[in-house]
């Protein structure tokens, strides 16, 4: 059975250097360093841990490889296609000018890699929402000229979320172009992160990532984003960052609140109409079956989260999933081909 994995990561040596400059306080724009210090949990960690996974050489080597070694690893695991995106936090930790420049260079590099392996790679554009107008233009360039299949946005940009109307030009561009935005996590923003400080490890994949993205999504719903952009498609990793499993409770309280009268749908309906979820980093058959029951097999896409998760483990997970062949075909490749126009 063909398999397309839709949340697989890369990095460039140049982008890694710039991200690490911010995290270590060596970035030339000191205002940005201070802002990021106040926002990211990485700065509560010791100097080595706060740069994880970027301080682990083998992880960096796998991220930076967009050539034959990655393709060979895919062959060994029996994975047909990777949809590639720059690893979080991407260009969003830089100032607007540097972030825009870095995103553009990463997109050019990604497009060149895809051109060498067009049957094995597809890609999502990096963006720098710090300048929303330029980010929208870069998305248009990436889709129309570079043939990328959408964009990745790493949740908040310095504590600001996509419900703020200054960012809607990016959402408008995505809807107009007919491409999805993959809303990828990062650690929660400054006001939310304080209770994590005593146990910083909780602020990342164990809890904080889904906390931040689920909050982000609910803010977008309440702000009317999906009424304004009814054809906008958002993709969520990690089986939907818990949101599909909260639908009944969200709806139950949503309809009691005055603001709900100004919105066209309930959270569960927005999730069905505007969202897809992926299996990235969630190799649980229980979670998968629950996801099919709550979201439907038509709304789930296969993903691994490589190289932060094991490629073989992801393939074994989906191969042994206790679901019917028709649903497995949808999740493994048919839905991805439809959503990303592969």
Protein backbone atom coordinates (compact mmCIF):
# COMPACT_ATOMS: atom_id res chain seq x y z
CA UNK A 1 0.00 0.00 0.00
CA UNK A 2 1.36 3.42 -0.97
CA UNK A 3 2.36 5.61 1.99
CA UNK A 4 2.72 9.40 2.05
CA UNK A 5 3.99 10.96 5.28
CA UNK A 6 2.98 14.60 5.56
CA UNK A 7 4.90 16.01 8.57
CA UNK A 8 8.54 15.26 7.88
CA UNK A 9 11.14 17.84 8.77
CA UNK A 10 14.31 19.40 7.42
CA UNK A 11 16.65 22.24 8.29
CA UNK A 12 19.44 24.10 6.53
CA UNK A 13 22.82 24.75 8.12
CA UNK A 14 22.27 28.48 7.66
CA UNK A 15 18.82 28.50 9.25
CA UNK A 16 20.12 26.34 12.12
CA UNK A 17 22.92 28.84 12.74
CA UNK A 18 20.49 31.77 12.87
CA UNK A 19 18.05 29.98 15.19
CA UNK A 20 20.90 29.01 17.51
CA UNK A 21 22.15 32.61 17.52
CA UNK A 22 18.80 33.70 18.93
CA UNK A 23 18.67 30.89 21.49
CA UNK A 24 22.21 31.57 22.73
CA UNK A 25 21.85 35.37 22.78
CA UNK A 26 24.35 35.92 19.95
CA UNK A 27 21.85 37.24 17.42
CA UNK A 28 22.64 40.79 16.32
CA UNK A 29 19.11 42.08 17.01
CA UNK A 30 19.17 42.16 20.81
CA UNK A 31 15.53 43.20 21.07
CA UNK A 32 14.57 39.94 19.41
CA UNK A 33 16.83 37.97 21.77
CA UNK A 34 15.12 39.50 24.78
CA UNK A 35 11.67 38.90 23.31
CA UNK A 36 12.40 35.25 22.60
CA UNK A 37 13.92 34.79 26.06
CA UNK A 38 10.62 35.87 27.57
CA UNK A 39 8.57 33.66 25.28
CA UNK A 40 10.24 30.30 24.83
CA UNK A 41 10.64 27.53 27.36
CA UNK A 42 14.01 26.68 25.81
CA UNK A 43 15.43 29.61 27.77
CA UNK A 44 14.41 28.02 31.07
CA UNK A 45 16.60 25.03 30.30
CA UNK A 46 20.32 24.59 30.74
CA UNK A 47 22.43 25.76 27.77
CA UNK A 48 22.58 22.30 26.19
CA UNK A 49 18.97 21.23 26.64
CA UNK A 50 17.49 24.49 25.43
CA UNK A 51 18.97 23.86 22.00
CA UNK A 52 17.65 20.31 21.76
CA UNK A 53 17.31 18.72 19.25
CA UNK A 54 19.77 21.03 17.50
CA UNK A 55 22.67 19.98 19.75
CA UNK A 56 22.31 16.32 18.80
CA UNK A 57 24.59 15.84 15.81
CA UNK A 58 22.84 12.83 14.31
CA UNK A 59 19.46 14.60 14.44
CA UNK A 60 20.90 17.67 12.71
CA UNK A 61 22.54 15.46 10.08
CA UNK A 62 19.21 13.77 9.32
CA UNK A 63 17.37 17.09 9.24
CA UNK A 64 19.91 18.67 6.91
CA UNK A 65 19.93 15.75 4.46
CA UNK A 66 17.62 16.28 1.50
CA UNK A 67 19.35 13.82 -0.77
CA UNK A 68 20.14 10.21 -1.39
CA UNK A 69 20.60 9.19 2.25
CA UNK A 70 17.07 10.35 3.13
CA UNK A 71 15.64 8.58 0.09
CA UNK A 72 17.50 5.40 1.06
CA UNK A 73 16.06 5.58 4.57
CA UNK A 74 12.60 5.93 3.03
CA UNK A 75 13.25 2.90 0.82
CA UNK A 76 14.41 0.86 3.80
CA UNK A 77 11.25 1.75 5.74
CA UNK A 78 9.02 1.32 2.67
CA UNK A 79 7.82 4.94 2.68
CA UNK A 80 6.93 6.33 -0.73
CA UNK A 81 6.71 10.12 -0.25
CA UNK A 82 7.64 12.71 2.38
CA UNK A 83 5.93 16.10 2.52
CA UNK A 84 8.76 18.21 3.93
CA UNK A 85 8.56 21.26 6.19
CA UNK A 86 11.20 23.25 8.08
CA UNK A 87 11.39 22.21 11.69
CA UNK A 88 9.93 24.50 14.38
CA UNK A 89 10.44 27.34 15.28
CA UNK A 90 11.71 28.22 11.82
CA UNK A 91 11.90 31.82 10.66
CA UNK A 92 9.46 32.96 13.35
CA UNK A 93 12.20 33.63 15.93
CA UNK A 94 14.04 36.17 13.77
CA UNK A 95 13.26 39.81 13.07
CA UNK A 96 10.94 40.48 10.15
CA UNK A 97 13.67 41.19 7.57
CA UNK A 98 15.89 38.24 8.49
CA UNK A 99 12.89 35.93 8.88
CA UNK A 100 11.51 36.82 5.46
CA UNK A 101 14.93 36.31 3.87
CA UNK A 102 15.49 33.00 5.65
CA UNK A 103 12.05 31.67 4.69
CA UNK A 104 12.62 32.53 1.04
CA UNK A 105 16.03 30.83 0.97
CA UNK A 106 14.67 27.71 2.67
CA UNK A 107 11.83 27.54 0.16
CA UNK A 108 14.25 27.83 -2.76
CA UNK A 109 16.43 25.07 -1.33
CA UNK A 110 13.42 22.85 -0.68
CA UNK A 111 12.17 23.34 -4.24
CA UNK A 112 15.56 22.33 -5.62
CA UNK A 113 15.55 19.15 -3.53
CA UNK A 114 12.06 18.29 -4.72
CA UNK A 115 13.10 18.84 -8.35
CA UNK A 116 15.79 16.16 -7.89
CA UNK A 117 13.34 13.67 -6.35
CA UNK A 118 9.92 14.70 -7.65
CA UNK A 119 8.39 11.27 -6.99
CA UNK A 120 9.66 11.11 -3.41
CA UNK A 121 9.43 14.64 -1.99
CA UNK A 122 6.83 17.38 -1.81
CA UNK A 123 7.06 20.46 0.37
CA UNK A 124 5.40 23.12 2.50
CA UNK A 125 6.61 26.70 2.42
CA UNK A 126 8.32 28.37 5.35
CA UNK A 127 6.86 31.77 6.23
CA UNK A 128 7.79 34.69 8.47
CA UNK A 129 4.45 36.04 9.77
CA UNK A 130 6.36 38.90 11.44
CA UNK A 131 5.62 40.78 8.20
CA UNK A 132 2.18 39.42 7.20
CA UNK A 133 2.05 41.10 3.79
CA UNK A 134 5.43 39.74 2.75
CA UNK A 135 4.53 36.33 4.19
CA UNK A 136 1.42 36.24 2.00
CA UNK A 137 3.48 37.19 -1.04
CA UNK A 138 6.05 34.51 -0.22
CA UNK A 139 3.29 31.92 0.05
CA UNK A 140 2.03 32.93 -3.38
CA UNK A 141 5.55 32.71 -4.83
CA UNK A 142 6.18 29.36 -3.17
CA UNK A 143 2.98 27.85 -4.54
CA UNK A 144 2.89 29.39 -8.01
CA UNK A 145 6.60 29.47 -8.87
CA UNK A 146 8.18 26.80 -6.66
CA UNK A 147 5.19 24.42 -6.77
CA UNK A 148 5.11 23.90 -3.00
CA UNK A 149 1.89 22.46 -1.63
CA UNK A 150 1.00 24.83 1.21
CA UNK A 151 2.73 26.37 4.21
CA UNK A 152 3.79 25.53 7.73
CA UNK A 153 3.28 28.04 10.54
CA UNK A 154 4.77 27.18 13.93
CA UNK A 155 1.87 28.34 16.08
CA UNK A 156 2.36 31.72 17.76
CA UNK A 157 4.71 34.42 16.56
CA UNK A 158 6.07 36.08 19.69
CA UNK A 159 2.87 35.38 21.57
CA UNK A 160 0.56 36.49 18.76
CA UNK A 161 -1.86 34.08 17.12
CA UNK A 162 -3.56 33.91 13.74
CA UNK A 163 -6.86 35.15 15.17
CA UNK A 164 -5.35 38.66 15.11
CA UNK A 165 -6.60 40.36 11.97
CA UNK A 166 -3.22 41.63 10.87
CA UNK A 167 -2.38 38.00 10.00
CA UNK A 168 -5.54 37.37 8.00
CA UNK A 169 -3.81 38.40 4.76
CA UNK A 170 -1.85 35.12 5.06
CA UNK A 171 -5.04 33.13 5.61
CA UNK A 172 -6.69 34.91 2.69
CA UNK A 173 -3.76 33.98 0.45
CA UNK A 174 -3.92 30.32 1.50
CA UNK A 175 -7.65 30.14 0.82
CA UNK A 176 -7.30 31.92 -2.52
CA UNK A 177 -4.47 29.62 -3.60
CA UNK A 178 -6.39 26.55 -2.43
CA UNK A 179 -3.55 25.26 -0.25
CA UNK A 180 -3.52 24.15 3.40
CA UNK A 181 -1.64 25.61 6.34
CA UNK A 182 0.01 23.07 8.62
CA UNK A 183 -0.27 24.57 12.11
CA UNK A 184 2.73 23.06 13.85
CA UNK A 185 3.40 23.46 17.58
CA UNK A 186 5.98 25.37 19.52
CA UNK A 187 6.24 25.93 23.25
CA UNK A 188 3.47 28.10 24.75
CA UNK A 189 3.83 31.87 24.79
CA UNK A 190 5.02 33.91 27.76
CA UNK A 191 1.76 34.40 29.65
CA UNK A 192 0.83 30.73 29.30
CA UNK A 193 4.22 29.19 29.96
CA UNK A 194 4.79 30.36 33.54
CA UNK A 195 3.19 27.34 35.27
CA UNK A 196 5.50 25.06 33.23
CA UNK A 197 8.67 26.70 34.59
CA UNK A 198 9.22 24.25 37.45
CA UNK A 199 9.06 21.27 35.04
CA UNK A 200 10.16 22.68 31.66
CA UNK A 201 10.07 19.32 29.90
CA UNK A 202 6.27 19.44 30.09
CA UNK A 203 6.17 22.54 27.88
CA UNK A 204 7.16 20.71 24.71
CA UNK A 205 5.85 17.50 23.17
CA UNK A 206 4.59 15.95 26.41
CA UNK A 207 1.93 18.62 27.00
CA UNK A 208 2.75 22.18 26.03
CA UNK A 209 2.66 21.67 22.28
CA UNK A 210 -0.94 20.44 22.21
CA UNK A 211 -1.89 23.07 24.80
CA UNK A 212 -0.59 25.87 22.60
CA UNK A 213 -2.04 24.66 19.29
CA UNK A 214 -5.46 23.78 20.72
CA UNK A 215 -5.67 27.26 22.27
CA UNK A 216 -4.57 28.75 18.95
CA UNK A 217 -7.32 26.91 17.06
CA UNK A 218 -10.06 27.86 19.50
CA UNK A 219 -9.03 31.53 19.30
CA UNK A 220 -9.29 31.34 15.51
CA UNK A 221 -12.78 29.84 15.74
CA UNK A 222 -14.06 32.44 18.19
CA UNK A 223 -12.53 35.27 16.12
CA UNK A 224 -14.61 34.18 13.14
CA UNK A 225 -11.67 33.13 10.98
CA UNK A 226 -13.56 30.22 9.41
CA UNK A 227 -16.68 32.26 8.74
CA UNK A 228 -14.53 34.85 6.96
CA UNK A 229 -12.51 32.14 5.13
CA UNK A 230 -14.88 29.18 4.81
CA UNK A 231 -12.61 27.24 2.44
CA UNK A 232 -9.46 27.67 4.53
CA UNK A 233 -7.84 24.31 5.35
CA UNK A 234 -5.76 23.80 8.49
CA UNK A 235 -3.80 20.61 9.16
CA UNK A 236 -3.01 19.62 12.76
CA UNK A 237 -0.44 17.02 13.77
CA UNK A 238 -0.38 14.60 16.68
CA UNK A 239 -3.94 13.38 16.09
CA UNK A 240 -5.35 16.90 16.26
CA UNK A 241 -3.62 18.14 19.42
CA UNK A 242 -6.49 16.65 21.55
CA UNK A 243 -9.21 18.77 19.91
CA UNK A 244 -11.14 15.97 18.13
CA UNK A 245 -11.64 14.22 21.47
CA UNK A 246 -13.11 17.36 23.11
CA UNK A 247 -15.80 18.06 20.52
CA UNK A 248 -18.86 17.19 22.58
CA UNK A 249 -17.71 19.19 25.59
CA UNK A 250 -16.67 22.20 23.49
CA UNK A 251 -20.01 22.25 21.68
CA UNK A 252 -21.94 21.80 24.90
CA UNK A 253 -20.45 24.94 26.42
CA UNK A 254 -20.09 26.87 23.16
CA UNK A 255 -23.85 27.08 22.60
CA UNK A 256 -24.37 28.57 26.08
CA UNK A 257 -22.16 31.60 25.44
CA UNK A 258 -23.38 34.86 23.88
CA UNK A 259 -20.62 35.08 21.25
CA UNK A 260 -21.72 31.81 19.67
CA UNK A 261 -24.79 33.55 18.23
CA UNK A 262 -22.49 35.61 16.00
CA UNK A 263 -20.77 32.53 14.54
CA UNK A 264 -22.14 30.17 11.91
CA UNK A 265 -20.98 26.83 13.29
CA UNK A 266 -20.00 24.90 16.39
CA UNK A 267 -16.39 23.83 17.10
CA UNK A 268 -17.13 20.28 16.00
CA UNK A 269 -18.48 21.51 12.67
CA UNK A 270 -15.48 23.77 12.06
CA UNK A 271 -13.23 20.80 12.82
CA UNK A 272 -15.09 18.68 10.26
CA UNK A 273 -15.21 21.37 7.57
CA UNK A 274 -11.84 23.12 7.88
CA UNK A 275 -9.41 20.74 9.54
CA UNK A 276 -7.44 17.57 8.89
CA UNK A 277 -5.44 15.74 11.52
CA UNK A 278 -2.33 13.62 11.10
CA UNK A 279 -0.77 10.70 12.94
CA UNK A 280 2.59 12.45 13.42
CA UNK A 281 4.27 11.44 16.66
CA UNK A 282 1.18 9.55 17.83
CA UNK A 283 1.71 5.88 17.08
CA UNK A 284 -1.21 4.68 19.18
CA UNK A 285 -3.88 2.41 17.75
CA UNK A 286 -6.28 3.57 20.45
CA UNK A 287 -5.74 7.20 19.41
CA UNK A 288 -6.14 6.28 15.74
CA UNK A 289 -9.43 4.42 16.28
CA UNK A 290 -10.72 7.24 18.47
CA UNK A 291 -9.68 9.69 15.75
CA UNK A 292 -11.64 7.77 13.12
CA UNK A 293 -14.69 7.74 15.40
CA UNK A 294 -14.42 11.47 16.17
CA UNK A 295 -13.07 12.94 12.91
CA UNK A 296 -13.75 10.27 10.29
CA UNK A 297 -11.21 8.43 8.16
CA UNK A 298 -11.60 11.05 5.42
CA UNK A 299 -10.05 13.67 7.72
CA UNK A 300 -6.94 11.78 8.87
CA UNK A 301 -3.55 11.73 7.12
CA UNK A 302 -0.53 9.57 7.79
CA UNK A 303 2.58 11.29 9.16
CA UNK A 304 5.65 10.25 11.13
CA UNK A 305 7.41 13.43 12.42
CA UNK A 306 10.77 12.29 11.05
CA UNK A 307 13.51 12.44 12.25
CA UNK A 308 12.15 13.18 15.72
CA UNK A 309 10.20 9.93 15.48
CA UNK A 310 11.36 6.64 14.01
CA UNK A 311 10.37 6.05 10.39
CA UNK A 312 10.16 2.28 10.74
CA UNK A 313 8.08 2.65 13.88
CA UNK A 314 5.62 4.87 12.06
CA UNK A 315 5.29 2.42 9.19
CA UNK A 316 4.80 -0.53 11.56
CA UNK A 317 2.13 1.43 13.43
CA UNK A 318 0.01 2.05 10.35
CA UNK A 319 0.64 -1.39 8.83
CA UNK A 320 -0.66 -3.11 11.96
CA UNK A 321 -3.53 -0.69 12.66
CA UNK A 322 -6.79 -2.59 13.36
CA UNK A 323 -8.82 -0.71 10.76
CA UNK A 324 -10.40 -1.71 7.45
CA UNK A 325 -8.42 -1.60 4.22
CA UNK A 326 -10.56 1.18 2.75
CA UNK A 327 -9.87 3.48 5.72
CA UNK A 328 -6.19 2.57 5.69
CA UNK A 329 -5.94 3.52 2.00
CA UNK A 330 -7.48 6.90 2.76
CA UNK A 331 -5.15 7.57 5.68
CA UNK A 332 -1.99 6.24 4.03
CA UNK A 333 -2.21 8.17 0.78
CA UNK A 334 -5.61 9.05 -0.72
CA UNK A 335 -6.37 11.89 1.69
CA UNK A 336 -2.89 13.38 1.33
CA UNK A 337 -3.16 13.27 -2.46
CA UNK A 338 -6.44 15.19 -2.23
CA UNK A 339 -5.48 17.73 0.45
CA UNK A 340 -2.01 18.55 -0.90
CA UNK A 341 -2.87 17.99 -4.56
CA UNK A 342 -0.12 15.42 -5.02
